[in-house]
């Protein structure tokens, strides 16, 4: 005896719905094999680090990688073109990363800025092989302000670097020092 697919489909449909509902309810009441909330579901971990080659320095806080990706330094804001210390910031950035291998670290949840550039902490190795964060070096030279990000991994380091640059009247902070002297 051959059953048609249509008869099989509709005749077992109530049974299938009942069984799946029963399994679902048992899972809810026993709590077995079901997450308590969506936040407990395993999520893929994003890649938080990358090695790359800095092909071009755009300004004091932006570079372009060999693969064309634009990187904006996370946590800092260097002067824009036409502003005091723009050229100094760009030249210092060029000296640090231009044509060199760099190491990128990302802040989870802060992938891109308003202009679509990838936000990252940028590291280089010094002559002794120690990793140094370029973002911090630029702030410590007084060639960048702190960016508008509040929950950064290296927030305290940025604040300390800015404090050091201000106390020593480096870069943009020299101009502020001069204004105070003229008052």
N, C-alpha and C. Protein backbone atom coordinates (compact mmCIF):
# COMPACT_ATOMS: atom_id res chain seq x y z
N UNK A 1 0.85 -1.18 0.00
CA UNK A 1 0.00 0.00 0.00
C UNK A 1 0.88 1.23 0.00
N UNK A 2 0.63 2.10 -0.90
CA UNK A 2 1.41 3.30 -1.04
C UNK A 2 0.62 4.49 -0.50
N UNK A 3 1.25 5.21 0.45
CA UNK A 3 0.60 6.41 1.00
C UNK A 3 1.07 7.62 0.21
N UNK A 4 0.15 8.51 -0.03
CA UNK A 4 0.56 9.73 -0.73
C UNK A 4 1.21 10.68 0.27
N UNK A 5 2.09 11.51 -0.25
CA UNK A 5 2.82 12.46 0.59
C UNK A 5 1.86 13.43 1.27
N UNK A 6 0.82 13.86 0.56
CA UNK A 6 -0.13 14.81 1.12
C UNK A 6 -0.86 14.22 2.32
N UNK A 7 -1.30 12.95 2.21
CA UNK A 7 -1.99 12.33 3.34
C UNK A 7 -1.06 12.17 4.52
N UNK A 8 0.18 11.76 4.27
CA UNK A 8 1.16 11.57 5.33
C UNK A 8 1.46 12.89 6.01
N UNK A 9 1.62 13.93 5.23
CA UNK A 9 1.96 15.25 5.75
C UNK A 9 0.89 15.77 6.71
N UNK A 10 -0.37 15.71 6.29
CA UNK A 10 -1.42 16.27 7.12
C UNK A 10 -1.87 15.34 8.24
N UNK A 11 -1.75 14.06 8.08
CA UNK A 11 -2.21 13.16 9.12
C UNK A 11 -1.24 13.15 10.31
N UNK A 12 0.04 13.38 10.08
CA UNK A 12 0.99 13.37 11.19
C UNK A 12 1.31 14.78 11.71
N UNK A 13 0.81 15.80 11.07
CA UNK A 13 1.10 17.17 11.47
C UNK A 13 0.71 17.46 12.93
N UNK A 14 -0.51 17.09 13.36
CA UNK A 14 -0.84 17.36 14.76
C UNK A 14 0.09 16.60 15.73
N UNK A 15 0.46 15.40 15.39
CA UNK A 15 1.35 14.61 16.25
C UNK A 15 2.74 15.25 16.32
N UNK A 16 3.24 15.71 15.20
CA UNK A 16 4.56 16.36 15.16
C UNK A 16 4.53 17.65 15.97
N UNK A 17 3.48 18.45 15.82
CA UNK A 17 3.37 19.70 16.59
C UNK A 17 3.28 19.42 18.08
N UNK A 18 2.51 18.42 18.46
CA UNK A 18 2.38 18.07 19.87
C UNK A 18 3.72 17.61 20.44
N UNK A 19 4.44 16.75 19.73
CA UNK A 19 5.72 16.23 20.22
C UNK A 19 6.75 17.35 20.34
N UNK A 20 6.82 18.23 19.35
CA UNK A 20 7.81 19.31 19.43
C UNK A 20 7.46 20.30 20.54
N UNK A 21 6.17 20.55 20.77
CA UNK A 21 5.75 21.43 21.86
C UNK A 21 6.10 20.80 23.20
N UNK A 22 5.89 19.51 23.33
CA UNK A 22 6.20 18.80 24.56
C UNK A 22 7.70 18.86 24.85
N UNK A 23 8.52 18.64 23.86
CA UNK A 23 9.97 18.71 24.03
C UNK A 23 10.39 20.12 24.43
N UNK A 24 9.80 21.12 23.80
CA UNK A 24 10.12 22.51 24.11
C UNK A 24 9.75 22.83 25.56
N UNK A 25 8.55 22.45 25.98
CA UNK A 25 8.09 22.73 27.34
C UNK A 25 8.94 21.98 28.38
N UNK A 26 9.29 20.75 28.09
CA UNK A 26 10.16 20.00 29.01
C UNK A 26 11.51 20.70 29.15
N UNK A 27 12.01 21.22 28.05
CA UNK A 27 13.28 21.94 28.10
C UNK A 27 13.18 23.19 28.94
N UNK A 28 12.08 23.92 28.83
CA UNK A 28 11.90 25.14 29.62
C UNK A 28 11.79 24.81 31.10
N UNK A 29 10.96 23.81 31.46
CA UNK A 29 10.74 23.50 32.86
C UNK A 29 11.95 22.83 33.51
N UNK A 30 12.68 22.05 32.78
CA UNK A 30 13.85 21.39 33.38
C UNK A 30 15.10 22.23 33.23
N UNK A 31 15.11 23.15 32.27
CA UNK A 31 16.27 24.01 32.07
C UNK A 31 17.45 23.30 31.44
N UNK A 32 17.24 22.10 30.97
CA UNK A 32 18.33 21.34 30.38
C UNK A 32 18.49 21.66 28.91
N UNK A 33 19.74 21.82 28.54
CA UNK A 33 20.12 22.01 27.15
C UNK A 33 19.54 23.27 26.50
N UNK A 34 19.06 24.20 27.29
CA UNK A 34 18.57 25.45 26.75
C UNK A 34 19.27 26.60 27.47
N UNK A 35 19.71 27.61 26.76
CA UNK A 35 20.32 28.75 27.44
C UNK A 35 19.25 29.54 28.19
N UNK A 36 19.64 30.13 29.32
CA UNK A 36 18.68 30.92 30.09
C UNK A 36 18.38 32.24 29.40
N UNK A 37 19.33 32.75 28.64
CA UNK A 37 19.09 33.97 27.86
C UNK A 37 19.97 33.93 26.62
N UNK A 38 19.69 34.84 25.72
CA UNK A 38 20.47 34.89 24.49
C UNK A 38 21.92 35.26 24.77
N UNK A 39 22.19 35.98 25.87
CA UNK A 39 23.56 36.38 26.19
C UNK A 39 24.43 35.19 26.54
N UNK A 40 23.81 34.05 26.83
CA UNK A 40 24.59 32.86 27.16
C UNK A 40 24.92 32.02 25.93
N UNK A 41 24.36 32.40 24.80
CA UNK A 41 24.67 31.66 23.58
C UNK A 41 26.12 31.92 23.20
N UNK A 42 26.84 30.91 22.79
CA UNK A 42 28.23 31.14 22.39
C UNK A 42 28.27 31.97 21.10
N UNK A 43 29.06 33.04 21.13
CA UNK A 43 29.20 33.91 19.96
C UNK A 43 30.60 33.78 19.41
N UNK A 44 30.77 33.96 18.13
CA UNK A 44 32.12 33.91 17.58
C UNK A 44 32.95 35.06 18.14
N UNK A 45 34.18 34.78 18.50
CA UNK A 45 35.06 35.81 19.04
C UNK A 45 35.73 36.52 17.88
N UNK A 46 35.61 37.87 17.83
CA UNK A 46 36.26 38.58 16.73
C UNK A 46 37.77 38.56 16.89
N UNK A 47 38.48 38.65 15.79
CA UNK A 47 39.93 38.73 15.82
C UNK A 47 40.30 40.09 16.40
N UNK A 48 41.05 40.10 17.50
CA UNK A 48 41.36 41.35 18.17
C UNK A 48 42.76 41.86 17.86
N UNK A 49 43.53 41.10 17.11
CA UNK A 49 44.89 41.53 16.80
C UNK A 49 45.22 41.18 15.35
N UNK A 50 46.13 41.97 14.78
CA UNK A 50 46.50 41.77 13.39
C UNK A 50 47.89 42.36 13.16
N UNK A 51 48.67 41.75 12.32
CA UNK A 51 49.96 42.28 11.90
C UNK A 51 49.79 42.79 10.47
N UNK A 52 50.37 43.96 10.18
CA UNK A 52 50.20 44.55 8.85
C UNK A 52 51.40 45.43 8.51
N UNK A 53 51.39 45.94 7.30
CA UNK A 53 52.42 46.85 6.85
C UNK A 53 51.79 48.22 6.61
N UNK A 54 52.35 49.25 7.25
CA UNK A 54 51.85 50.62 7.07
C UNK A 54 52.41 51.16 5.75
N UNK A 55 51.53 51.34 4.78
CA UNK A 55 51.95 51.77 3.45
C UNK A 55 52.04 53.30 3.35
N UNK A 56 51.04 53.99 3.94
CA UNK A 56 50.97 55.45 3.79
C UNK A 56 50.49 56.09 5.08
N UNK A 57 51.12 57.20 5.44
CA UNK A 57 50.68 58.00 6.59
C UNK A 57 49.84 59.14 6.05
N UNK A 58 48.59 59.22 6.49
CA UNK A 58 47.68 60.26 6.01
C UNK A 58 47.85 61.53 6.85
N UNK A 59 47.91 61.36 8.17
CA UNK A 59 48.08 62.48 9.09
C UNK A 59 48.59 61.94 10.42
N UNK A 60 48.38 62.67 11.49
CA UNK A 60 48.92 62.26 12.78
C UNK A 60 48.18 61.12 13.45
N UNK A 61 47.01 60.75 12.95
CA UNK A 61 46.26 59.66 13.58
C UNK A 61 45.59 58.72 12.58
N UNK A 62 46.03 58.75 11.34
CA UNK A 62 45.44 57.89 10.31
C UNK A 62 46.52 57.37 9.36
N UNK A 63 46.43 56.08 9.06
CA UNK A 63 47.35 55.46 8.12
C UNK A 63 46.56 54.57 7.16
N UNK A 64 47.22 54.18 6.08
CA UNK A 64 46.64 53.22 5.14
C UNK A 64 47.57 52.02 5.10
N UNK A 65 47.00 50.84 5.24
CA UNK A 65 47.77 49.61 5.22
C UNK A 65 48.06 49.19 3.79
N UNK A 66 48.96 48.25 3.64
CA UNK A 66 49.33 47.73 2.33
C UNK A 66 48.12 47.17 1.57
N UNK A 67 47.15 46.60 2.31
CA UNK A 67 45.95 46.05 1.66
C UNK A 67 44.88 47.10 1.37
N UNK A 68 45.17 48.39 1.67
CA UNK A 68 44.24 49.48 1.39
C UNK A 68 43.34 49.86 2.54
N UNK A 69 43.35 49.10 3.62
CA UNK A 69 42.50 49.40 4.76
C UNK A 69 42.99 50.67 5.46
N UNK A 70 42.03 51.57 5.76
CA UNK A 70 42.36 52.81 6.48
C UNK A 70 42.22 52.55 7.97
N UNK A 71 43.25 52.94 8.71
CA UNK A 71 43.27 52.75 10.16
C UNK A 71 43.28 54.11 10.83
N UNK A 72 42.36 54.32 11.75
CA UNK A 72 42.29 55.54 12.57
C UNK A 72 42.71 55.14 13.97
N UNK A 73 43.69 55.85 14.53
CA UNK A 73 44.21 55.52 15.85
C UNK A 73 43.13 55.75 16.90
N UNK A 74 42.87 54.72 17.64
CA UNK A 74 41.83 54.74 18.67
C UNK A 74 42.29 55.53 19.89
N UNK A 75 41.42 56.40 20.38
CA UNK A 75 41.68 57.12 21.63
C UNK A 75 42.34 58.47 21.49
N UNK A 76 42.78 58.84 20.28
CA UNK A 76 43.46 60.12 20.13
C UNK A 76 42.88 60.91 18.97
N UNK A 77 43.18 62.21 18.96
CA UNK A 77 42.73 63.09 17.90
C UNK A 77 43.84 64.08 17.60
N UNK A 78 44.60 63.82 16.54
CA UNK A 78 45.69 64.71 16.13
C UNK A 78 45.11 65.89 15.37
N UNK A 79 45.84 67.01 15.34
CA UNK A 79 45.34 68.19 14.62
C UNK A 79 45.09 67.90 13.14
N UNK A 80 44.02 68.49 12.61
CA UNK A 80 43.68 68.34 11.20
C UNK A 80 44.52 69.28 10.35
N UNK A 81 44.52 69.03 9.05
CA UNK A 81 45.28 69.85 8.12
C UNK A 81 44.87 71.32 8.26
N UNK A 82 45.87 72.20 8.28
CA UNK A 82 45.63 73.63 8.43
C UNK A 82 45.66 74.09 9.88
N UNK A 83 45.70 73.17 10.82
CA UNK A 83 45.75 73.50 12.26
C UNK A 83 47.19 73.45 12.74
N UNK A 84 47.50 74.20 13.81
CA UNK A 84 48.85 74.12 14.37
C UNK A 84 49.20 72.69 14.78
N UNK A 85 50.42 72.31 14.51
CA UNK A 85 51.00 71.00 14.83
C UNK A 85 50.51 69.86 13.95
N UNK A 86 49.76 70.18 12.87
CA UNK A 86 49.36 69.13 11.93
C UNK A 86 50.58 68.48 11.31
N UNK A 87 51.46 69.30 10.76
CA UNK A 87 52.62 68.77 10.06
C UNK A 87 53.55 68.01 11.00
N UNK A 88 53.74 68.52 12.20
CA UNK A 88 54.60 67.84 13.18
C UNK A 88 54.03 66.47 13.55
N UNK A 89 52.72 66.41 13.74
CA UNK A 89 52.07 65.13 14.08
C UNK A 89 52.20 64.13 12.93
N UNK A 90 51.98 64.60 11.70
CA UNK A 90 52.09 63.72 10.54
C UNK A 90 53.52 63.21 10.37
N UNK A 91 54.50 64.11 10.50
CA UNK A 91 55.89 63.71 10.35
C UNK A 91 56.34 62.74 11.44
N UNK A 92 55.88 62.97 12.67
CA UNK A 92 56.23 62.06 13.76
C UNK A 92 55.61 60.68 13.53
N UNK A 93 54.36 60.66 13.08
CA UNK A 93 53.69 59.41 12.75
C UNK A 93 54.43 58.69 11.63
N UNK A 94 54.87 59.45 10.62
CA UNK A 94 55.65 58.87 9.51
C UNK A 94 56.94 58.24 10.03
N UNK A 95 57.60 58.93 10.92
CA UNK A 95 58.85 58.42 11.50
C UNK A 95 58.60 57.12 12.27
N UNK A 96 57.47 57.04 12.95
CA UNK A 96 57.17 55.87 13.77
C UNK A 96 56.75 54.66 12.94
N UNK A 97 55.86 54.86 11.95
CA UNK A 97 55.24 53.70 11.28
C UNK A 97 55.46 53.61 9.77
N UNK A 98 55.89 54.67 9.14
CA UNK A 98 55.97 54.70 7.67
C UNK A 98 56.76 53.55 7.09
N UNK A 99 56.09 52.71 6.30
CA UNK A 99 56.73 51.59 5.63
C UNK A 99 57.15 50.45 6.54
N UNK A 100 56.66 50.46 7.76
CA UNK A 100 57.09 49.46 8.75
C UNK A 100 55.98 48.45 9.05
N UNK A 101 56.42 47.33 9.60
CA UNK A 101 55.46 46.34 10.09
C UNK A 101 54.89 46.87 11.39
N UNK A 102 53.57 46.81 11.50
CA UNK A 102 52.89 47.28 12.70
C UNK A 102 51.99 46.16 13.23
N UNK A 103 51.57 46.33 14.45
CA UNK A 103 50.68 45.38 15.11
C UNK A 103 49.45 46.14 15.55
N UNK A 104 48.29 45.64 15.15
CA UNK A 104 47.03 46.31 15.45
C UNK A 104 46.29 45.55 16.54
N UNK A 105 45.68 46.30 17.43
CA UNK A 105 44.81 45.71 18.45
C UNK A 105 43.50 46.49 18.41
N UNK A 106 42.40 45.76 18.47
CA UNK A 106 41.09 46.37 18.35
C UNK A 106 40.36 46.37 19.67
N UNK A 107 39.47 47.32 19.83
CA UNK A 107 38.61 47.42 21.01
C UNK A 107 37.28 46.78 20.64
N UNK A 108 36.86 45.72 21.34
CA UNK A 108 35.59 45.08 21.01
C UNK A 108 34.44 46.09 21.01
N UNK A 109 33.63 46.03 19.98
CA UNK A 109 32.47 46.92 19.87
C UNK A 109 32.79 48.27 19.26
N UNK A 110 34.05 48.54 18.95
CA UNK A 110 34.44 49.81 18.33
C UNK A 110 35.23 49.50 17.06
N UNK A 111 34.54 49.03 16.05
CA UNK A 111 35.22 48.59 14.85
C UNK A 111 35.53 49.72 13.88
N UNK A 112 34.57 50.61 13.65
CA UNK A 112 34.72 51.64 12.62
C UNK A 112 34.33 53.01 13.19
N UNK A 113 34.90 54.07 12.58
CA UNK A 113 34.48 55.41 12.95
C UNK A 113 33.43 55.91 11.96
N UNK A 114 33.03 57.15 12.10
CA UNK A 114 31.99 57.75 11.27
C UNK A 114 32.33 57.70 9.78
N UNK A 115 33.63 57.75 9.45
CA UNK A 115 34.06 57.77 8.06
C UNK A 115 34.39 56.38 7.52
N UNK A 116 34.11 55.34 8.30
CA UNK A 116 34.34 53.97 7.84
C UNK A 116 35.76 53.47 8.04
N UNK A 117 36.59 54.24 8.74
CA UNK A 117 37.96 53.80 9.01
C UNK A 117 37.95 52.82 10.18
N UNK A 118 38.83 51.85 10.13
CA UNK A 118 38.96 50.88 11.21
C UNK A 118 39.66 51.54 12.39
N UNK A 119 39.08 51.41 13.57
CA UNK A 119 39.67 51.98 14.79
C UNK A 119 40.59 50.94 15.42
N UNK A 120 41.80 51.37 15.78
CA UNK A 120 42.76 50.41 16.33
C UNK A 120 43.82 51.10 17.18
N UNK A 121 44.39 50.31 18.09
CA UNK A 121 45.62 50.68 18.76
C UNK A 121 46.72 50.16 17.86
N UNK A 122 47.72 50.98 17.60
CA UNK A 122 48.80 50.61 16.69
C UNK A 122 50.09 50.48 17.48
N UNK A 123 50.77 49.35 17.30
CA UNK A 123 52.01 49.08 18.02
C UNK A 123 53.15 48.89 17.03
N UNK A 124 54.33 49.28 17.47
CA UNK A 124 55.57 49.03 16.73
C UNK A 124 56.55 48.38 17.70
N UNK A 125 57.60 47.80 17.16
CA UNK A 125 58.67 47.28 18.01
C UNK A 125 59.82 48.28 17.95
N UNK A 126 60.36 48.61 19.14
CA UNK A 126 61.51 49.50 19.16
C UNK A 126 62.78 48.72 18.88
N UNK A 127 63.93 49.38 18.95
CA UNK A 127 65.20 48.73 18.59
C UNK A 127 65.54 47.56 19.51
N UNK A 128 64.98 47.55 20.72
CA UNK A 128 65.25 46.43 21.64
C UNK A 128 64.21 45.31 21.51
N UNK A 129 63.23 45.49 20.60
CA UNK A 129 62.22 44.46 20.39
C UNK A 129 60.99 44.61 21.26
N UNK A 130 60.93 45.68 22.06
CA UNK A 130 59.77 45.93 22.93
C UNK A 130 58.65 46.59 22.12
N UNK A 131 57.42 46.16 22.36
CA UNK A 131 56.28 46.78 21.69
C UNK A 131 55.96 48.12 22.36
N UNK A 132 55.74 49.13 21.52
CA UNK A 132 55.36 50.47 21.96
C UNK A 132 54.09 50.86 21.22
N UNK A 133 53.14 51.47 21.96
CA UNK A 133 51.90 51.89 21.32
C UNK A 133 52.09 53.26 20.69
N UNK A 134 51.89 53.34 19.39
CA UNK A 134 52.05 54.57 18.64
C UNK A 134 51.06 55.62 19.13
N UNK A 135 49.82 55.24 19.39
CA UNK A 135 48.80 56.17 19.87
C UNK A 135 49.33 56.93 21.10
N UNK A 136 49.91 56.20 22.05
CA UNK A 136 50.43 56.82 23.28
C UNK A 136 51.65 57.69 23.00
N UNK A 137 52.53 57.23 22.13
CA UNK A 137 53.74 58.00 21.83
C UNK A 137 53.37 59.36 21.24
N UNK A 138 52.36 59.40 20.39
CA UNK A 138 51.92 60.65 19.78
C UNK A 138 51.33 61.59 20.83
N UNK A 139 50.55 61.04 21.75
CA UNK A 139 49.99 61.87 22.84
C UNK A 139 51.11 62.38 23.74
N UNK A 140 52.05 61.52 24.06
CA UNK A 140 53.15 61.91 24.95
C UNK A 140 54.04 62.98 24.33
N UNK A 141 54.12 63.01 23.00
CA UNK A 141 54.88 64.06 22.31
C UNK A 141 54.08 65.37 22.24
N UNK A 142 52.85 65.34 22.72
CA UNK A 142 52.02 66.53 22.68
C UNK A 142 51.47 66.82 21.30
N UNK A 143 51.33 65.78 20.49
CA UNK A 143 50.89 65.97 19.11
C UNK A 143 49.47 65.45 18.86
N UNK A 144 48.73 65.18 19.94
CA UNK A 144 47.33 64.76 19.80
C UNK A 144 46.60 65.00 21.11
N UNK A 145 45.33 65.26 20.96
CA UNK A 145 44.43 65.35 22.11
C UNK A 145 43.88 63.95 22.36
N UNK A 146 43.19 63.79 23.47
CA UNK A 146 42.52 62.52 23.71
C UNK A 146 41.20 62.52 22.96
N UNK A 147 40.86 61.39 22.38
CA UNK A 147 39.63 61.25 21.61
C UNK A 147 38.42 61.19 22.52
N UNK A 148 37.24 61.21 21.92
CA UNK A 148 35.99 61.25 22.69
C UNK A 148 35.52 59.89 23.20
N UNK A 149 36.40 58.90 23.25
CA UNK A 149 35.98 57.56 23.68
C UNK A 149 36.18 57.44 25.18
N UNK A 150 35.20 56.91 25.88
CA UNK A 150 35.26 56.89 27.35
C UNK A 150 35.63 55.54 27.96
N UNK A 151 35.28 54.46 27.34
CA UNK A 151 35.51 53.14 27.94
C UNK A 151 36.63 52.38 27.24
N UNK A 152 37.78 52.98 27.12
CA UNK A 152 38.88 52.36 26.42
C UNK A 152 39.74 51.51 27.34
N UNK A 153 40.29 50.49 26.78
CA UNK A 153 41.17 49.59 27.51
C UNK A 153 42.38 50.33 28.09
N UNK A 154 42.92 51.28 27.33
CA UNK A 154 44.13 52.00 27.74
C UNK A 154 43.83 53.44 28.19
N UNK A 155 42.65 53.68 28.70
CA UNK A 155 42.22 55.03 29.08
C UNK A 155 43.20 55.68 30.06
N UNK A 156 43.59 54.98 31.09
CA UNK A 156 44.50 55.55 32.10
C UNK A 156 45.86 55.89 31.50
N UNK A 157 46.36 55.04 30.61
CA UNK A 157 47.63 55.30 29.96
C UNK A 157 47.56 56.57 29.10
N UNK A 158 46.43 56.76 28.42
CA UNK A 158 46.24 57.97 27.62
C UNK A 158 46.21 59.21 28.51
N UNK A 159 45.51 59.13 29.62
CA UNK A 159 45.42 60.27 30.54
C UNK A 159 46.80 60.61 31.09
N UNK A 160 47.56 59.60 31.46
CA UNK A 160 48.91 59.84 31.99
C UNK A 160 49.85 60.42 30.93
N UNK A 161 49.74 59.97 29.70
CA UNK A 161 50.57 60.49 28.62
C UNK A 161 50.24 61.96 28.36
N UNK A 162 48.95 62.29 28.35
CA UNK A 162 48.54 63.68 28.16
C UNK A 162 49.04 64.55 29.31
N UNK A 163 48.92 64.05 30.51
CA UNK A 163 49.39 64.79 31.69
C UNK A 163 50.89 65.08 31.59
N UNK A 164 51.65 64.08 31.17
CA UNK A 164 53.09 64.24 31.04
C UNK A 164 53.41 65.31 29.99
N UNK A 165 52.74 65.24 28.83
CA UNK A 165 52.98 66.21 27.76
C UNK A 165 52.61 67.63 28.21
N UNK A 166 51.50 67.75 28.94
CA UNK A 166 51.09 69.08 29.44
C UNK A 166 52.11 69.63 30.43
N UNK A 167 52.55 68.78 31.36
CA UNK A 167 53.51 69.23 32.38
C UNK A 167 54.83 69.65 31.76
N UNK A 168 55.21 69.04 30.66
CA UNK A 168 56.48 69.35 30.00
C UNK A 168 56.31 70.31 28.82
N UNK A 169 55.07 70.80 28.60
CA UNK A 169 54.76 71.79 27.57
C UNK A 169 55.20 71.33 26.18
N UNK A 170 54.89 70.08 25.87
CA UNK A 170 55.25 69.51 24.57
C UNK A 170 54.16 69.81 23.55
N UNK A 171 54.58 70.05 22.31
CA UNK A 171 53.66 70.17 21.18
C UNK A 171 52.52 71.14 21.42
N UNK A 172 51.30 70.65 21.24
CA UNK A 172 50.11 71.50 21.38
C UNK A 172 50.03 72.12 22.77
N UNK A 173 50.63 71.50 23.74
CA UNK A 173 50.57 72.02 25.11
C UNK A 173 51.56 73.16 25.30
N UNK A 174 52.55 73.31 24.41
CA UNK A 174 53.44 74.46 24.47
C UNK A 174 52.65 75.72 24.13
N UNK A 175 51.79 75.62 23.13
CA UNK A 175 50.95 76.75 22.75
C UNK A 175 50.04 77.17 23.90
N UNK A 176 49.49 76.20 24.60
CA UNK A 176 48.64 76.49 25.77
C UNK A 176 49.47 77.17 26.86
N UNK A 177 50.70 76.71 27.05
CA UNK A 177 51.61 77.28 28.03
C UNK A 177 51.92 78.73 27.69
N UNK A 178 52.17 79.00 26.40
CA UNK A 178 52.45 80.36 25.96
C UNK A 178 51.27 81.29 26.22
N UNK A 179 50.06 80.81 25.98
CA UNK A 179 48.86 81.63 26.22
C UNK A 179 48.75 82.01 27.70
N UNK A 180 49.08 81.06 28.58
CA UNK A 180 49.03 81.32 30.03
C UNK A 180 50.06 82.37 30.42
N UNK A 181 51.24 82.33 29.82
CA UNK A 181 52.30 83.29 30.14
C UNK A 181 51.93 84.71 29.71
N UNK A 182 51.17 84.83 28.63
CA UNK A 182 50.80 86.14 28.11
C UNK A 182 49.64 86.78 28.84
N UNK A 183 48.97 86.06 29.67
CA UNK A 183 47.80 86.60 30.40
C UNK A 183 48.22 87.63 31.41
